[in-house]
Amino acid sequence: MLTTEVGNIWRIRHTRKDVGVAIVVAVALLMGWLMREYVETRAEWFIERGTAFRIAYPVTWSESISLQSDALLKIEDAEANSTFKTSLTIQRRDLDMVAPPTIQTLLDRRVEERGKLTAYHFLGNHDLTLAGAKAVELNYAYVAQPIDQPRRASLPVVVQVRDIIIVGKDRSYYLTLAAAQNEYERASEKFDQMLTTLQVD
């Protein structure tokens, strides 16, 4: 009889401790999730001076150097799980208003331009409307060598790209998301969120 009572007391005491530990763990997990959501939902804005063009991007992405002379912005996700860091590049090109090119012509030029990339592979294209403007999205892949330095071993990386051409009143914009194949889905979701904040004209 005494043994049974001691066993019951032991169970009650340890059950209380287990519940307490479970509550502490649940609160810690909830706080961690809330902190992550807070960090990931904070955004920076890129606004082109003198125009209505603007787009928000995650605050965790940082500006990097672009070799393209017409690039308005290049940002990278330093948290990408690859030696090739996910990037978004925004370019602007003024349109010839005397004989403005069609969106198909701009797409054809882009395909020809990108076709020079190493192991370029066309994946498709489709028309869309963004911020009330006509646009077309080009999808392709290529192979990049992220670390190209002597005596630095680095395997080539397959890069997937979403290249969007937007035609405004007197200029066109090129929004290029490039991500390593293993990071592409996550990056593409982030890109879709950015596009919901886009304003063109």
C-alpha atoms as a PDB file:
ATOM      1  CA  MET A   1       0.000   0.000   0.000  1.00  0.00           C
ATOM      2  CA  LEU A   2       2.817   2.385   0.918  1.00  0.00           C
ATOM      3  CA  THR A   3       4.675   1.520  -2.280  1.00  0.00           C
ATOM      4  CA  THR A   4       1.617   2.418  -4.372  1.00  0.00           C
ATOM      5  CA  GLU A   5       1.217   5.787  -2.617  1.00  0.00           C
ATOM      6  CA  VAL A   6       4.918   6.631  -3.124  1.00  0.00           C
ATOM      7  CA  GLY A   7       4.607   5.685  -6.795  1.00  0.00           C
ATOM      8  CA  ASN A   8       1.591   7.938  -7.252  1.00  0.00           C
ATOM      9  CA  ILE A   9       3.353  10.876  -5.545  1.00  0.00           C
ATOM     10  CA  TRP A  10       6.418  10.321  -7.774  1.00  0.00           C
ATOM     11  CA  ARG A  11       4.242  10.304 -10.901  1.00  0.00           C
ATOM     12  CA  ILE A  12       2.419  13.497  -9.868  1.00  0.00           C
ATOM     13  CA  ARG A  13       5.669  15.339  -9.086  1.00  0.00           C
ATOM     14  CA  HIS A  14       7.315  14.305 -12.363  1.00  0.00           C
ATOM     15  CA  THR A  15       4.177  14.966 -14.405  1.00  0.00           C
ATOM     16  CA  ARG A  16       4.197  18.555 -13.146  1.00  0.00           C
ATOM     17  CA  LYS A  17       7.859  18.896 -14.117  1.00  0.00           C
ATOM     18  CA  ASP A  18       7.209  17.399 -17.558  1.00  0.00           C
ATOM     19  CA  VAL A  19       4.326  19.801 -18.170  1.00  0.00           C
ATOM     20  CA  GLY A  20       6.508  22.711 -17.057  1.00  0.00           C
ATOM     21  CA  VAL A  21       9.339  21.668 -19.399  1.00  0.00           C
ATOM     22  CA  ALA A  22       6.876  21.221 -22.276  1.00  0.00           C
ATOM     23  CA  ILE A  23       5.462  24.718 -21.697  1.00  0.00           C
ATOM     24  CA  VAL A  24       8.961  26.267 -21.590  1.00  0.00           C
ATOM     25  CA  VAL A  25       9.943  24.469 -24.824  1.00  0.00           C
ATOM     26  CA  ALA A  26       6.698  25.517 -26.540  1.00  0.00           C
ATOM     27  CA  VAL A  27       7.187  29.163 -25.502  1.00  0.00           C
ATOM     28  CA  ALA A  28      10.821  29.096 -26.710  1.00  0.00           C
ATOM     29  CA  LEU A  29       9.783  27.633 -30.062  1.00  0.00           C
ATOM     30  CA  LEU A  30       7.002  30.203 -30.431  1.00  0.00           C
ATOM     31  CA  MET A  31       9.403  33.067 -29.627  1.00  0.00           C
ATOM     32  CA  GLY A  32      11.907  31.711 -32.150  1.00  0.00           C
ATOM     33  CA  TRP A  33       9.228  31.486 -34.837  1.00  0.00           C
ATOM     34  CA  LEU A  34       7.966  35.007 -34.102  1.00  0.00           C
ATOM     35  CA  MET A  35      11.514  36.389 -34.236  1.00  0.00           C
ATOM     36  CA  ARG A  36      12.143  34.666 -37.577  1.00  0.00           C
ATOM     37  CA  GLU A  37       8.875  35.998 -38.999  1.00  0.00           C
ATOM     38  CA  TYR A  38       9.735  39.500 -37.776  1.00  0.00           C
ATOM     39  CA  VAL A  39      13.184  39.430 -39.402  1.00  0.00           C
ATOM     40  CA  GLU A  40      11.970  37.886 -42.657  1.00  0.00           C
ATOM     41  CA  THR A  41       9.005  40.202 -43.091  1.00  0.00           C
ATOM     42  CA  ARG A  42      11.022  43.369 -42.594  1.00  0.00           C
ATOM     43  CA  ALA A  43      11.830  44.924 -45.924  1.00  0.00           C
ATOM     44  CA  GLU A  44      13.988  47.538 -47.570  1.00  0.00           C
ATOM     45  CA  TRP A  45      12.705  49.609 -50.478  1.00  0.00           C
ATOM     46  CA  PHE A  46      14.512  50.339 -53.706  1.00  0.00           C
ATOM     47  CA  ILE A  47      13.115  53.509 -55.305  1.00  0.00           C
ATOM     48  CA  GLU A  48      14.447  54.821 -58.606  1.00  0.00           C
ATOM     49  CA  ARG A  49      14.864  58.587 -58.448  1.00  0.00           C
ATOM     50  CA  GLY A  50      12.648  60.613 -60.725  1.00  0.00           C
ATOM     51  CA  THR A  51      10.354  57.691 -61.573  1.00  0.00           C
ATOM     52  CA  ALA A  52       7.536  55.739 -59.984  1.00  0.00           C
ATOM     53  CA  PHE A  53       9.582  52.514 -60.041  1.00  0.00           C
ATOM     54  CA  ARG A  54       9.911  50.886 -56.641  1.00  0.00           C
ATOM     55  CA  ILE A  55      10.184  47.389 -55.156  1.00  0.00           C
ATOM     56  CA  ALA A  56      10.631  45.996 -51.642  1.00  0.00           C
ATOM     57  CA  TYR A  57      13.123  43.260 -50.825  1.00  0.00           C
ATOM     58  CA  PRO A  58      14.043  41.377 -47.609  1.00  0.00           C
ATOM     59  CA  VAL A  59      16.185  43.364 -45.201  1.00  0.00           C
ATOM     60  CA  THR A  60      18.481  40.342 -44.897  1.00  0.00           C
ATOM     61  CA  TRP A  61      19.532  40.746 -48.550  1.00  0.00           C
ATOM     62  CA  SER A  62      22.449  43.108 -49.120  1.00  0.00           C
ATOM     63  CA  GLU A  63      23.746  45.145 -52.038  1.00  0.00           C
ATOM     64  CA  SER A  64      26.618  43.740 -54.071  1.00  0.00           C
ATOM     65  CA  ILE A  65      28.738  44.873 -57.000  1.00  0.00           C
ATOM     66  CA  SER A  66      27.330  44.408 -60.492  1.00  0.00           C
ATOM     67  CA  LEU A  67      29.465  44.313 -63.627  1.00  0.00           C
ATOM     68  CA  GLN A  68      26.492  45.442 -65.725  1.00  0.00           C
ATOM     69  CA  SER A  69      26.735  49.152 -66.468  1.00  0.00           C
ATOM     70  CA  ASP A  70      22.958  49.615 -66.724  1.00  0.00           C
ATOM     71  CA  ALA A  71      22.204  47.894 -63.391  1.00  0.00           C
ATOM     72  CA  LEU A  72      20.151  50.032 -61.017  1.00  0.00           C
ATOM     73  CA  LEU A  73      20.472  47.525 -58.200  1.00  0.00           C
ATOM     74  CA  LYS A  74      22.034  44.160 -57.403  1.00  0.00           C
ATOM     75  CA  ILE A  75      21.263  42.454 -54.109  1.00  0.00           C
ATOM     76  CA  GLU A  76      22.263  39.044 -52.745  1.00  0.00           C
ATOM     77  CA  ASP A  77      20.948  36.632 -50.160  1.00  0.00           C
ATOM     78  CA  ALA A  78      23.995  35.848 -48.021  1.00  0.00           C
ATOM     79  CA  GLU A  79      22.026  33.086 -46.287  1.00  0.00           C
ATOM     80  CA  ALA A  80      21.662  31.035 -49.479  1.00  0.00           C
ATOM     81  CA  ASN A  81      22.964  27.511 -48.957  1.00  0.00           C
ATOM     82  CA  SER A  82      25.378  27.536 -51.889  1.00  0.00           C
ATOM     83  CA  THR A  83      28.680  29.033 -52.961  1.00  0.00           C
ATOM     84  CA  PHE A  84      26.597  30.789 -55.640  1.00  0.00           C
ATOM     85  CA  LYS A  85      24.546  33.345 -53.715  1.00  0.00           C
ATOM     86  CA  THR A  86      20.972  34.023 -54.807  1.00  0.00           C
ATOM     87  CA  SER A  87      20.781  37.447 -56.433  1.00  0.00           C
ATOM     88  CA  LEU A  88      18.318  39.930 -57.862  1.00  0.00           C
ATOM     89  CA  THR A  89      19.557  42.367 -60.484  1.00  0.00           C
ATOM     90  CA  ILE A  90      17.434  45.259 -61.771  1.00  0.00           C
ATOM     91  CA  GLN A  91      18.353  46.963 -65.033  1.00  0.00           C
ATOM     92  CA  ARG A  92      16.710  49.815 -66.930  1.00  0.00           C
ATOM     93  CA  ARG A  93      16.915  50.531 -70.630  1.00  0.00           C
ATOM     94  CA  ASP A  94      15.311  53.511 -72.330  1.00  0.00           C
ATOM     95  CA  LEU A  95      13.040  52.723 -75.262  1.00  0.00           C
ATOM     96  CA  ASP A  96      13.364  54.255 -78.714  1.00  0.00           C
ATOM     97  CA  MET A  97      10.101  56.203 -78.793  1.00  0.00           C
ATOM     98  CA  VAL A  98      10.360  56.825 -82.566  1.00  0.00           C
ATOM     99  CA  ALA A  99      10.242  53.091 -83.266  1.00  0.00           C
ATOM    100  CA  PRO A 100       9.546  51.360 -79.943  1.00  0.00           C
ATOM    101  CA  PRO A 101      10.383  47.636 -79.962  1.00  0.00           C
ATOM    102  CA  THR A 102       7.676  45.089 -79.237  1.00  0.00           C
ATOM    103  CA  ILE A 103       7.910  42.996 -76.100  1.00  0.00           C
ATOM    104  CA  GLN A 104       8.616  39.985 -78.334  1.00  0.00           C
ATOM    105  CA  THR A 105      11.597  41.812 -79.840  1.00  0.00           C
ATOM    106  CA  LEU A 106      12.929  42.586 -76.353  1.00  0.00           C
ATOM    107  CA  LEU A 107      12.493  38.934 -75.405  1.00  0.00           C
ATOM    108  CA  ASP A 108      14.303  37.729 -78.532  1.00  0.00           C
ATOM    109  CA  ARG A 109      17.201  40.084 -77.812  1.00  0.00           C
ATOM    110  CA  ARG A 110      17.391  38.818 -74.225  1.00  0.00           C
ATOM    111  CA  VAL A 111      17.421  35.170 -75.335  1.00  0.00           C
ATOM    112  CA  GLU A 112      20.248  35.919 -77.778  1.00  0.00           C
ATOM    113  CA  GLU A 113      22.168  37.827 -75.097  1.00  0.00           C
ATOM    114  CA  ARG A 114      21.759  35.119 -72.441  1.00  0.00           C
ATOM    115  CA  GLY A 115      22.526  32.356 -74.927  1.00  0.00           C
ATOM    116  CA  LYS A 116      26.216  33.230 -74.530  1.00  0.00           C
ATOM    117  CA  LEU A 117      26.259  31.982 -70.920  1.00  0.00           C
ATOM    118  CA  THR A 118      28.090  28.727 -70.181  1.00  0.00           C
ATOM    119  CA  ALA A 119      25.852  25.672 -70.808  1.00  0.00           C
ATOM    120  CA  TYR A 120      22.824  27.948 -71.355  1.00  0.00           C
ATOM    121  CA  HIS A 121      19.557  26.011 -71.494  1.00  0.00           C
ATOM    122  CA  PHE A 122      16.233  27.650 -72.421  1.00  0.00           C
ATOM    123  CA  LEU A 123      13.378  26.484 -70.155  1.00  0.00           C
ATOM    124  CA  GLY A 124      10.466  28.572 -71.446  1.00  0.00           C
ATOM    125  CA  ASN A 125       8.733  31.931 -71.396  1.00  0.00           C
ATOM    126  CA  HIS A 126       5.261  33.345 -70.800  1.00  0.00           C
ATOM    127  CA  ASP A 127       3.459  36.688 -70.862  1.00  0.00           C
ATOM    128  CA  LEU A 128       2.218  38.340 -67.683  1.00  0.00           C
ATOM    129  CA  THR A 129       1.097  41.677 -66.271  1.00  0.00           C
ATOM    130  CA  LEU A 130       2.940  43.285 -63.350  1.00  0.00           C
ATOM    131  CA  ALA A 131       1.850  46.480 -61.619  1.00  0.00           C
ATOM    132  CA  GLY A 132      -0.463  47.156 -64.560  1.00  0.00           C
ATOM    133  CA  ALA A 133       2.356  46.947 -67.111  1.00  0.00           C
ATOM    134  CA  LYS A 134       2.920  44.399 -69.869  1.00  0.00           C
ATOM    135  CA  ALA A 135       5.698  41.945 -69.090  1.00  0.00           C
ATOM    136  CA  VAL A 136       7.223  38.671 -70.180  1.00  0.00           C
ATOM    137  CA  GLU A 137       9.122  36.118 -68.108  1.00  0.00           C
ATOM    138  CA  LEU A 138      12.033  34.124 -69.499  1.00  0.00           C
ATOM    139  CA  ASN A 139      13.193  31.001 -67.658  1.00  0.00           C
ATOM    140  CA  TYR A 140      16.576  29.414 -68.276  1.00  0.00           C
ATOM    141  CA  ALA A 141      19.522  27.703 -66.623  1.00  0.00           C
ATOM    142  CA  TYR A 142      23.271  27.896 -66.998  1.00  0.00           C
ATOM    143  CA  VAL A 143      26.434  26.776 -65.246  1.00  0.00           C
ATOM    144  CA  ALA A 144      28.433  29.169 -63.058  1.00  0.00           C
ATOM    145  CA  GLN A 145      31.847  28.908 -61.412  1.00  0.00           C
ATOM    146  CA  PRO A 146      31.244  30.825 -58.151  1.00  0.00           C
ATOM    147  CA  ILE A 147      34.847  30.767 -56.931  1.00  0.00           C
ATOM    148  CA  ASP A 148      37.207  31.301 -59.835  1.00  0.00           C
ATOM    149  CA  GLN A 149      40.529  31.771 -58.078  1.00  0.00           C
ATOM    150  CA  PRO A 150      43.815  29.868 -58.380  1.00  0.00           C
ATOM    151  CA  ARG A 151      44.160  26.942 -55.955  1.00  0.00           C
ATOM    152  CA  ARG A 152      40.568  27.350 -54.711  1.00  0.00           C
ATOM    153  CA  ALA A 153      38.678  24.140 -55.399  1.00  0.00           C
ATOM    154  CA  SER A 154      35.046  24.818 -56.260  1.00  0.00           C
ATOM    155  CA  LEU A 155      32.606  22.738 -58.263  1.00  0.00           C
ATOM    156  CA  PRO A 156      30.501  24.438 -60.946  1.00  0.00           C
ATOM    157  CA  VAL A 157      26.921  25.264 -59.919  1.00  0.00           C
ATOM    158  CA  VAL A 158      23.750  24.880 -61.984  1.00  0.00           C
ATOM    159  CA  VAL A 159      21.926  28.210 -61.781  1.00  0.00           C
ATOM    160  CA  GLN A 160      18.221  28.673 -62.521  1.00  0.00           C
ATOM    161  CA  VAL A 161      16.971  32.091 -63.580  1.00  0.00           C
ATOM    162  CA  ARG A 162      13.715  34.019 -63.747  1.00  0.00           C
ATOM    163  CA  ASP A 163      14.299  36.962 -66.082  1.00  0.00           C
ATOM    164  CA  ILE A 164      11.348  39.377 -66.267  1.00  0.00           C
ATOM    165  CA  ILE A 165      11.111  42.159 -68.838  1.00  0.00           C
ATOM    166  CA  ILE A 166       8.628  44.924 -67.994  1.00  0.00           C
ATOM    167  CA  VAL A 167       7.688  47.558 -70.549  1.00  0.00           C
ATOM    168  CA  GLY A 168       6.842  50.986 -69.145  1.00  0.00           C
ATOM    169  CA  LYS A 169       5.854  54.204 -70.923  1.00  0.00           C
ATOM    170  CA  ASP A 170       9.306  55.127 -72.198  1.00  0.00           C
ATOM    171  CA  ARG A 171      11.637  52.529 -70.676  1.00  0.00           C
ATOM    172  CA  SER A 172      11.954  48.832 -70.023  1.00  0.00           C
ATOM    173  CA  TYR A 173      13.036  47.124 -66.822  1.00  0.00           C
ATOM    174  CA  TYR A 174      14.774  43.781 -66.445  1.00  0.00           C
ATOM    175  CA  LEU A 175      14.378  41.962 -63.127  1.00  0.00           C
ATOM    176  CA  THR A 176      16.670  38.944 -62.966  1.00  0.00           C
ATOM    177  CA  LEU A 177      16.489  36.429 -60.143  1.00  0.00           C
ATOM    178  CA  ALA A 178      19.335  33.892 -60.227  1.00  0.00           C
ATOM    179  CA  ALA A 179      19.680  31.053 -57.711  1.00  0.00           C
ATOM    180  CA  ALA A 180      21.528  27.776 -57.354  1.00  0.00           C
ATOM    181  CA  GLN A 181      19.322  24.844 -58.300  1.00  0.00           C
ATOM    182  CA  ASN A 182      18.946  23.668 -54.680  1.00  0.00           C
ATOM    183  CA  GLU A 183      17.886  27.191 -53.579  1.00  0.00           C
ATOM    184  CA  TYR A 184      15.650  28.008 -56.532  1.00  0.00           C
ATOM    185  CA  GLU A 185      12.219  27.186 -55.065  1.00  0.00           C
ATOM    186  CA  ARG A 186      12.823  29.158 -51.861  1.00  0.00           C
ATOM    187  CA  ALA A 187      14.266  32.091 -53.828  1.00  0.00           C
ATOM    188  CA  SER A 188      11.388  32.014 -56.302  1.00  0.00           C
ATOM    189  CA  GLU A 189       8.847  32.276 -53.475  1.00  0.00           C
ATOM    190  CA  LYS A 190      10.717  35.296 -52.086  1.00  0.00           C
ATOM    191  CA  PHE A 191      10.772  36.829 -55.573  1.00  0.00           C
ATOM    192  CA  ASP A 192       6.996  36.406 -55.904  1.00  0.00           C
ATOM    193  CA  GLN A 193       6.585  38.282 -52.608  1.00  0.00           C
ATOM    194  CA  MET A 194       8.824  41.087 -53.890  1.00  0.00           C
ATOM    195  CA  LEU A 195       6.818  41.346 -57.103  1.00  0.00           C
ATOM    196  CA  THR A 196       3.632  42.035 -55.125  1.00  0.00           C
ATOM    197  CA  THR A 197       5.242  45.320 -53.958  1.00  0.00           C
ATOM    198  CA  LEU A 198       6.350  46.381 -57.437  1.00  0.00           C
ATOM    199  CA  GLN A 199       5.306  49.738 -58.894  1.00  0.00           C
ATOM    200  CA  VAL A 200       6.349  50.807 -62.392  1.00  0.00           C
ATOM    201  CA  ASP A 201       4.484  53.869 -63.730  1.00  0.00           C
END
